[in-house]
Protein backbone atom coordinates (compact mmCIF):
# COMPACT_ATOMS: atom_id res chain seq x y z
CA MET A 1 10.72 -122.57 -226.96
CA THR A 2 12.49 -119.50 -225.91
CA SER A 3 10.55 -117.92 -223.31
CA THR A 4 9.56 -114.44 -224.18
CA LEU A 5 8.39 -113.40 -220.35
CA ALA A 6 9.99 -110.20 -219.48
CA PRO A 7 11.33 -109.75 -215.97
CA ALA A 8 8.86 -108.34 -213.18
CA SER A 9 9.30 -104.66 -212.88
CA ASN A 10 11.20 -103.77 -209.71
CA ARG A 11 9.80 -100.31 -209.72
CA THR A 12 6.30 -101.24 -207.79
CA ALA A 13 5.32 -98.87 -205.09
CA THR A 14 5.76 -100.19 -201.42
CA PRO A 15 2.35 -101.01 -200.38
CA GLY A 16 0.92 -98.45 -198.10
CA HIS A 17 3.30 -95.67 -199.60
CA PRO A 18 2.55 -93.42 -202.43
CA PRO A 19 4.98 -93.04 -205.14
CA LYS A 20 7.67 -89.93 -204.76
CA SER A 21 6.30 -88.46 -207.73
CA VAL A 22 2.78 -88.12 -206.10
CA ARG A 23 4.12 -86.96 -203.06
CA TRP A 24 6.24 -84.22 -204.54
CA ARG A 25 3.39 -83.26 -206.47
CA GLY A 26 1.12 -83.13 -203.34
CA SER A 27 3.68 -80.68 -201.74
CA LEU A 28 3.95 -78.68 -204.61
CA ILE A 29 0.41 -78.04 -205.00
CA ALA A 30 0.08 -77.05 -201.20
CA TRP A 31 2.61 -74.52 -201.65
CA LEU A 32 1.14 -73.00 -204.47
CA PHE A 33 -1.90 -72.40 -202.60
CA LEU A 34 0.06 -70.93 -200.02
CA ALA A 35 2.25 -68.81 -201.95
CA PRO A 36 -0.12 -65.82 -202.08
CA ALA A 37 -0.75 -65.60 -198.08
CA LEU A 38 3.17 -66.22 -197.86
CA LEU A 39 4.45 -63.33 -200.13
CA LEU A 40 1.77 -61.00 -198.18
CA PHE A 41 3.18 -62.36 -194.85
CA LEU A 42 6.70 -61.71 -196.04
CA TYR A 43 5.99 -58.11 -197.51
CA PHE A 44 3.91 -56.83 -194.52
CA LYS A 45 5.55 -58.83 -191.76
CA PHE A 46 9.29 -60.16 -192.29
CA ILE A 47 10.57 -57.22 -194.55
CA PRO A 48 9.57 -54.81 -192.05
CA MET A 49 10.91 -56.64 -189.01
CA PHE A 50 14.08 -56.65 -190.46
CA VAL A 51 14.25 -53.17 -191.86
CA GLY A 52 13.19 -52.00 -188.46
CA LEU A 53 16.06 -54.18 -186.72
CA TRP A 54 18.51 -52.51 -189.18
CA LYS A 55 17.03 -48.59 -188.54
CA SER A 56 17.78 -49.49 -184.86
CA LEU A 57 21.25 -49.11 -185.23
CA PHE A 58 21.33 -45.75 -187.06
CA LYS A 59 20.19 -42.39 -186.25
CA VAL A 60 17.46 -41.84 -188.83
CA GLN A 61 17.60 -38.34 -190.59
CA THR A 62 15.29 -38.56 -193.77
CA PHE A 63 16.97 -35.83 -195.90
CA LEU A 64 20.62 -36.05 -194.51
CA GLY A 65 21.18 -39.56 -194.48
CA ASP A 66 21.17 -42.31 -191.90
CA GLU A 67 24.14 -42.05 -189.37
CA TRP A 68 25.52 -45.43 -187.71
CA VAL A 69 25.50 -45.24 -183.84
CA GLY A 70 25.41 -48.86 -183.09
CA LEU A 71 23.63 -49.96 -179.96
CA GLN A 72 23.16 -46.27 -178.76
CA ASN A 73 19.56 -46.58 -179.37
CA TYR A 74 19.15 -49.42 -177.15
CA GLN A 75 21.20 -47.68 -174.46
CA THR A 76 18.77 -44.85 -174.55
CA ILE A 77 15.78 -47.09 -174.00
CA ILE A 78 17.34 -48.95 -171.14
CA THR A 79 18.46 -45.54 -169.30
CA ASP A 80 15.75 -43.24 -170.31
CA ASP A 81 13.09 -42.66 -167.42
CA GLU A 82 10.37 -42.02 -169.83
CA PHE A 83 10.91 -45.47 -171.45
CA GLY A 84 11.32 -47.28 -168.04
CA ALA A 85 7.92 -45.81 -166.93
CA ALA A 86 6.10 -46.88 -170.17
CA ILE A 87 7.61 -50.60 -169.81
CA TRP A 88 6.53 -50.80 -166.18
CA GLN A 89 3.01 -49.57 -167.10
CA SER A 90 2.82 -52.27 -169.98
CA MET A 91 3.61 -54.66 -167.88
CA VAL A 92 1.10 -53.56 -165.16
CA LEU A 93 -1.70 -53.35 -167.70
CA ALA A 94 -0.73 -56.76 -169.29
CA LEU A 95 -0.70 -58.53 -165.91
CA GLY A 96 -4.00 -57.15 -164.70
CA THR A 97 -5.80 -57.58 -168.26
CA THR A 98 -4.61 -61.16 -168.31
CA LEU A 99 -5.54 -62.10 -164.77
CA GLY A 100 -9.02 -59.98 -165.04
CA SER A 101 -9.89 -61.63 -168.37
CA LEU A 102 -8.91 -65.17 -167.35
CA VAL A 103 -10.94 -65.10 -164.14
CA LEU A 104 -14.07 -63.62 -165.71
CA GLY A 105 -13.68 -65.47 -168.86
CA LEU A 106 -13.70 -68.79 -166.71
CA VAL A 107 -16.87 -67.79 -164.50
CA LEU A 108 -18.80 -66.81 -167.36
CA ALA A 109 -18.03 -70.23 -169.29
CA LEU A 110 -19.10 -72.05 -166.31
CA LEU A 111 -22.32 -69.87 -165.97
CA ILE A 112 -23.45 -70.40 -169.45
CA GLU A 113 -21.81 -74.05 -170.40
CA GLY A 114 -24.66 -76.20 -171.20
CA PRO A 115 -26.96 -77.48 -173.97
CA ALA A 116 -30.11 -75.54 -173.28
CA ARG A 117 -31.22 -73.74 -176.72
CA TYR A 118 -31.62 -70.14 -175.21
CA LEU A 119 -27.59 -70.33 -174.40
CA TRP A 120 -26.65 -69.58 -177.94
CA PHE A 121 -27.91 -65.96 -177.82
CA VAL A 122 -26.51 -65.34 -174.52
CA ARG A 123 -23.05 -66.76 -175.87
CA THR A 124 -23.34 -64.53 -178.92
CA ALA A 125 -24.47 -61.22 -177.19
CA ALA A 126 -21.42 -61.98 -174.62
CA PHE A 127 -18.92 -62.44 -177.59
CA LEU A 128 -19.92 -59.05 -179.53
CA PRO A 129 -17.09 -57.02 -177.99
CA VAL A 130 -14.33 -59.31 -179.81
CA VAL A 131 -15.79 -58.40 -183.01
CA THR A 132 -16.57 -54.87 -182.63
CA THR A 133 -13.98 -52.29 -183.95
CA MET A 134 -11.65 -51.28 -181.03
CA ALA A 135 -11.56 -47.55 -181.89
CA ALA A 136 -15.40 -47.62 -181.69
CA VAL A 137 -15.41 -49.18 -178.41
CA ALA A 138 -12.69 -47.03 -177.07
CA GLU A 139 -14.42 -43.84 -177.99
CA VAL A 140 -17.83 -45.27 -176.35
CA TRP A 141 -16.09 -46.02 -173.20
CA ARG A 142 -14.02 -42.83 -173.30
CA ILE A 143 -17.57 -41.14 -173.04
CA MET A 144 -18.91 -43.31 -170.34
CA PHE A 145 -15.62 -42.45 -168.12
CA HIS A 146 -16.69 -38.68 -168.48
CA PRO A 147 -15.37 -37.69 -164.52
CA ALA A 148 -18.56 -35.36 -164.22
CA ASP A 149 -21.51 -36.40 -161.76
CA SER A 150 -23.37 -36.78 -164.90
CA GLY A 151 -20.84 -39.42 -166.14
CA MET A 152 -22.57 -42.95 -166.84
CA LEU A 153 -20.26 -44.96 -165.10
CA ASN A 154 -20.12 -42.42 -162.18
CA VAL A 155 -23.94 -42.64 -162.13
CA VAL A 156 -23.78 -46.37 -161.92
CA ILE A 157 -21.63 -46.50 -159.02
CA GLY A 158 -23.63 -43.68 -157.45
CA TRP A 159 -26.59 -46.16 -157.08
CA VAL A 160 -24.42 -48.13 -154.50
CA GLY A 161 -23.44 -45.11 -152.70
CA ILE A 162 -19.79 -44.83 -154.19
CA ASP A 163 -18.56 -41.15 -154.90
CA PRO A 164 -17.83 -39.83 -158.42
CA GLN A 165 -14.55 -40.91 -159.61
CA PRO A 166 -12.13 -38.93 -162.18
CA TRP A 167 -11.44 -42.09 -164.18
CA LEU A 168 -9.09 -41.09 -166.95
CA ALA A 169 -8.79 -37.57 -165.82
CA SER A 170 -6.52 -38.49 -162.69
CA GLU A 171 -2.92 -39.98 -162.78
CA HIS A 172 -3.98 -42.38 -160.27
CA SER A 173 -6.74 -44.03 -161.98
CA SER A 174 -6.20 -43.53 -165.81
CA LEU A 175 -4.36 -46.69 -166.23
CA TRP A 176 -6.81 -49.09 -164.03
CA SER A 177 -9.47 -47.36 -166.09
CA ILE A 178 -7.86 -48.36 -169.34
CA MET A 179 -7.29 -51.91 -167.60
CA LEU A 180 -11.19 -52.38 -166.81
CA MET A 181 -12.13 -51.52 -170.50
CA SER A 182 -9.52 -54.19 -171.46
CA ILE A 183 -10.80 -56.73 -169.33
CA TRP A 184 -14.20 -56.10 -170.75
CA ARG A 185 -12.73 -56.51 -174.13
CA GLY A 186 -10.85 -59.71 -173.58
CA THR A 187 -12.99 -61.82 -171.54
CA PRO A 188 -15.47 -62.79 -173.98
CA TYR A 189 -12.64 -64.22 -175.98
CA ASP A 190 -11.21 -66.25 -173.20
CA MET A 191 -14.82 -67.19 -172.21
CA MET A 192 -15.25 -68.74 -175.72
CA ILE A 193 -12.01 -70.85 -175.62
CA PHE A 194 -13.00 -72.10 -172.02
CA LEU A 195 -16.30 -73.16 -173.40
CA ALA A 196 -14.39 -75.19 -176.15
CA GLY A 197 -12.22 -76.92 -173.48
CA LEU A 198 -15.05 -77.65 -171.17
CA VAL A 199 -16.79 -79.70 -173.79
CA GLY A 200 -13.73 -82.16 -173.69
CA VAL A 201 -14.17 -82.70 -169.96
CA ASN A 202 -15.41 -86.44 -168.98
CA ARG A 203 -18.92 -86.18 -167.87
CA THR A 204 -18.72 -89.58 -166.04
CA LEU A 205 -16.15 -87.96 -163.48
CA TYR A 206 -18.73 -85.41 -162.68
CA GLU A 207 -21.38 -88.08 -161.93
CA ALA A 208 -18.74 -90.22 -160.09
CA ALA A 209 -18.11 -87.45 -157.82
CA ALA A 210 -21.62 -86.50 -157.14
CA VAL A 211 -22.37 -89.93 -156.06
CA ASP A 212 -19.32 -89.80 -153.86
CA GLY A 213 -21.00 -86.68 -152.21
CA ALA A 214 -18.24 -84.21 -153.67
CA SER A 215 -19.41 -80.54 -153.47
CA THR A 216 -19.35 -78.22 -156.45
CA TRP A 217 -16.32 -76.47 -155.37
CA ARG A 218 -14.48 -79.85 -154.87
CA ARG A 219 -15.76 -81.07 -158.37
CA LEU A 220 -14.43 -77.65 -159.73
CA ARG A 221 -11.12 -78.15 -158.07
CA HIS A 222 -10.38 -81.45 -158.67
CA ILE A 223 -12.01 -82.15 -162.05
CA THR A 224 -12.75 -78.84 -163.97
CA LEU A 225 -9.47 -77.02 -163.55
CA PRO A 226 -6.96 -79.83 -163.94
CA ALA A 227 -8.89 -80.73 -167.06
CA LEU A 228 -8.49 -77.11 -168.42
CA ARG A 229 -4.80 -76.87 -167.64
CA PRO A 230 -3.70 -76.71 -171.33
CA VAL A 231 -6.45 -74.24 -172.13
CA PHE A 232 -5.09 -72.04 -169.29
CA TRP A 233 -1.70 -72.08 -170.86
CA ILE A 234 -2.55 -71.14 -174.19
CA LEU A 235 -4.93 -68.27 -172.92
CA PHE A 236 -2.40 -66.86 -170.65
CA THR A 237 0.01 -66.60 -173.31
CA LEU A 238 -2.28 -65.22 -175.80
CA ALA A 239 -3.81 -62.65 -173.08
CA ALA A 240 -0.26 -61.43 -172.03
CA ILE A 241 0.68 -60.76 -175.52
CA ARG A 242 -2.48 -58.81 -176.27
CA GLY A 243 -1.63 -56.88 -172.93
CA LEU A 244 2.02 -56.09 -173.95
CA ARG A 245 1.06 -55.00 -177.58
CA VAL A 246 -1.95 -52.83 -176.33
CA PHE A 247 -2.37 -49.74 -178.39
CA VAL A 248 -5.62 -48.54 -179.56
CA GLU A 249 -7.09 -48.48 -176.29
CA VAL A 250 -4.52 -45.98 -174.89
CA TYR A 251 -4.28 -43.87 -177.82
CA VAL A 252 -8.06 -43.26 -177.83
CA LEU A 253 -8.75 -42.88 -174.05
CA THR A 254 -5.68 -40.99 -172.87
CA ASN A 255 -2.89 -40.87 -175.58
CA GLY A 256 -0.62 -41.73 -172.67
CA GLY A 257 -1.96 -38.98 -170.31
CA PRO A 258 -2.50 -37.29 -167.96
CA ASN A 259 1.47 -36.70 -167.63
CA GLY A 260 2.65 -40.11 -168.93
CA SER A 261 0.62 -42.08 -166.20
CA SER A 262 -0.87 -44.36 -168.87
CA GLU A 263 1.75 -44.12 -171.39
CA VAL A 264 2.74 -47.91 -172.62
CA LEU A 265 5.36 -48.86 -174.92
CA MET A 266 3.40 -48.98 -178.09
CA THR A 267 2.14 -45.48 -177.55
CA LEU A 268 5.60 -44.19 -176.98
CA ILE A 269 7.02 -45.88 -180.27
CA TYR A 270 4.24 -44.14 -181.99
CA LYS A 271 5.02 -40.93 -180.86
CA LEU A 272 8.57 -41.31 -181.26
CA GLY A 273 8.52 -42.45 -184.62
CA PHE A 274 5.63 -40.31 -186.11
CA GLN A 275 5.60 -37.33 -183.99
CA LYS A 276 9.19 -36.71 -182.92
CA ASN A 277 10.75 -38.34 -185.96
CA GLU A 278 13.35 -40.39 -183.98
CA LEU A 279 12.65 -43.47 -186.14
CA GLY A 280 15.90 -45.13 -185.00
CA VAL A 281 14.86 -44.98 -181.34
CA ALA A 282 11.28 -46.07 -182.13
CA SER A 283 12.85 -49.23 -184.27
CA ALA A 284 14.97 -49.99 -181.09
CA GLY A 285 11.57 -49.76 -179.18
CA GLY A 286 9.66 -52.07 -181.52
CA ILE A 287 12.74 -54.39 -181.19
CA VAL A 288 12.66 -54.56 -177.68
CA LEU A 289 8.91 -55.26 -177.72
CA PHE A 290 9.25 -57.91 -179.94
CA LEU A 291 12.09 -59.72 -177.68
CA ALA A 292 9.87 -59.29 -174.68
CA THR A 293 6.89 -60.86 -176.46
CA LEU A 294 9.15 -63.94 -177.41
CA VAL A 295 10.72 -64.25 -174.14
CA LEU A 296 7.43 -64.47 -172.52
CA THR A 297 6.34 -67.13 -174.95
CA VAL A 298 9.15 -69.13 -174.44
CA ILE A 299 9.07 -69.05 -170.50
CA VAL A 300 5.38 -70.10 -170.94
CA GLN A 301 5.70 -73.12 -173.28
CA THR A 302 8.65 -74.04 -171.25
CA MET A 303 6.76 -73.85 -168.01
CA ARG A 304 3.87 -75.86 -169.82
CA ARG A 305 6.04 -78.63 -171.01
CA ARG A 306 7.82 -79.01 -167.91
CA GLN A 307 4.43 -79.49 -165.91
CA ALA A 308 3.24 -81.68 -168.82
CA ALA A 309 6.24 -83.77 -168.42
């Protein structure tokens, strides 16, 4: 009797691996869900970035036609004293804001870290500056920085015997005043990230250190800070980029004054592009800011990987 059994199919999927059609279908569905966001990102991010790069090589003349100038706009940025001062002040503001917000954020995180019930209210209140509109916050601080004796901050420092300060009205203190507000704004964000990092610290290490008689400072230095090292790298990168790209605070508080003492790269680019109509030079300034941010990020990530290795 002739056997009618068909040969076993060799198309059986490998155990543990879904069929290729299933994998393709899953990837296609994921990309379809991402497509609206990616299209918006492409339209509002990548296309303007490439247009800005192209315009930075031209002398933009709205009604007369663009004139090719090559790298002349970048040469203007490098050699112009106004750009040099803005770049330097941007770096000072970024560095001061980064260090101040990191230190204060860590201190606040250590103070309010714990399981107590009332701490949720303290954390929420401390985080409010982050979710408040920057323009409104800057306007409130501008009022607080009023240089007269009746100004709010001058009244406060007067309680401890300090003379009234000019704050935003002086070339010597305007940038530091903006830095003070930026630190106040950035500290709660860093605090929340530090709190998330503190959750992952092994508590048994604290108990063992306490049994060995280690002081609070030694526990902080040898247990807490090493455990938070990855958090420090992430926050340093984010805070530095935030400091380099500051705009609203400076624009609302001083608009770069007095006499350009608080002018940063973002406000200078804005003035060149929308007030002086020098769109080519402004586009070149935007590309320079992008490259500075990119270089900073690469340097920080390289240092982090070397230390981890």
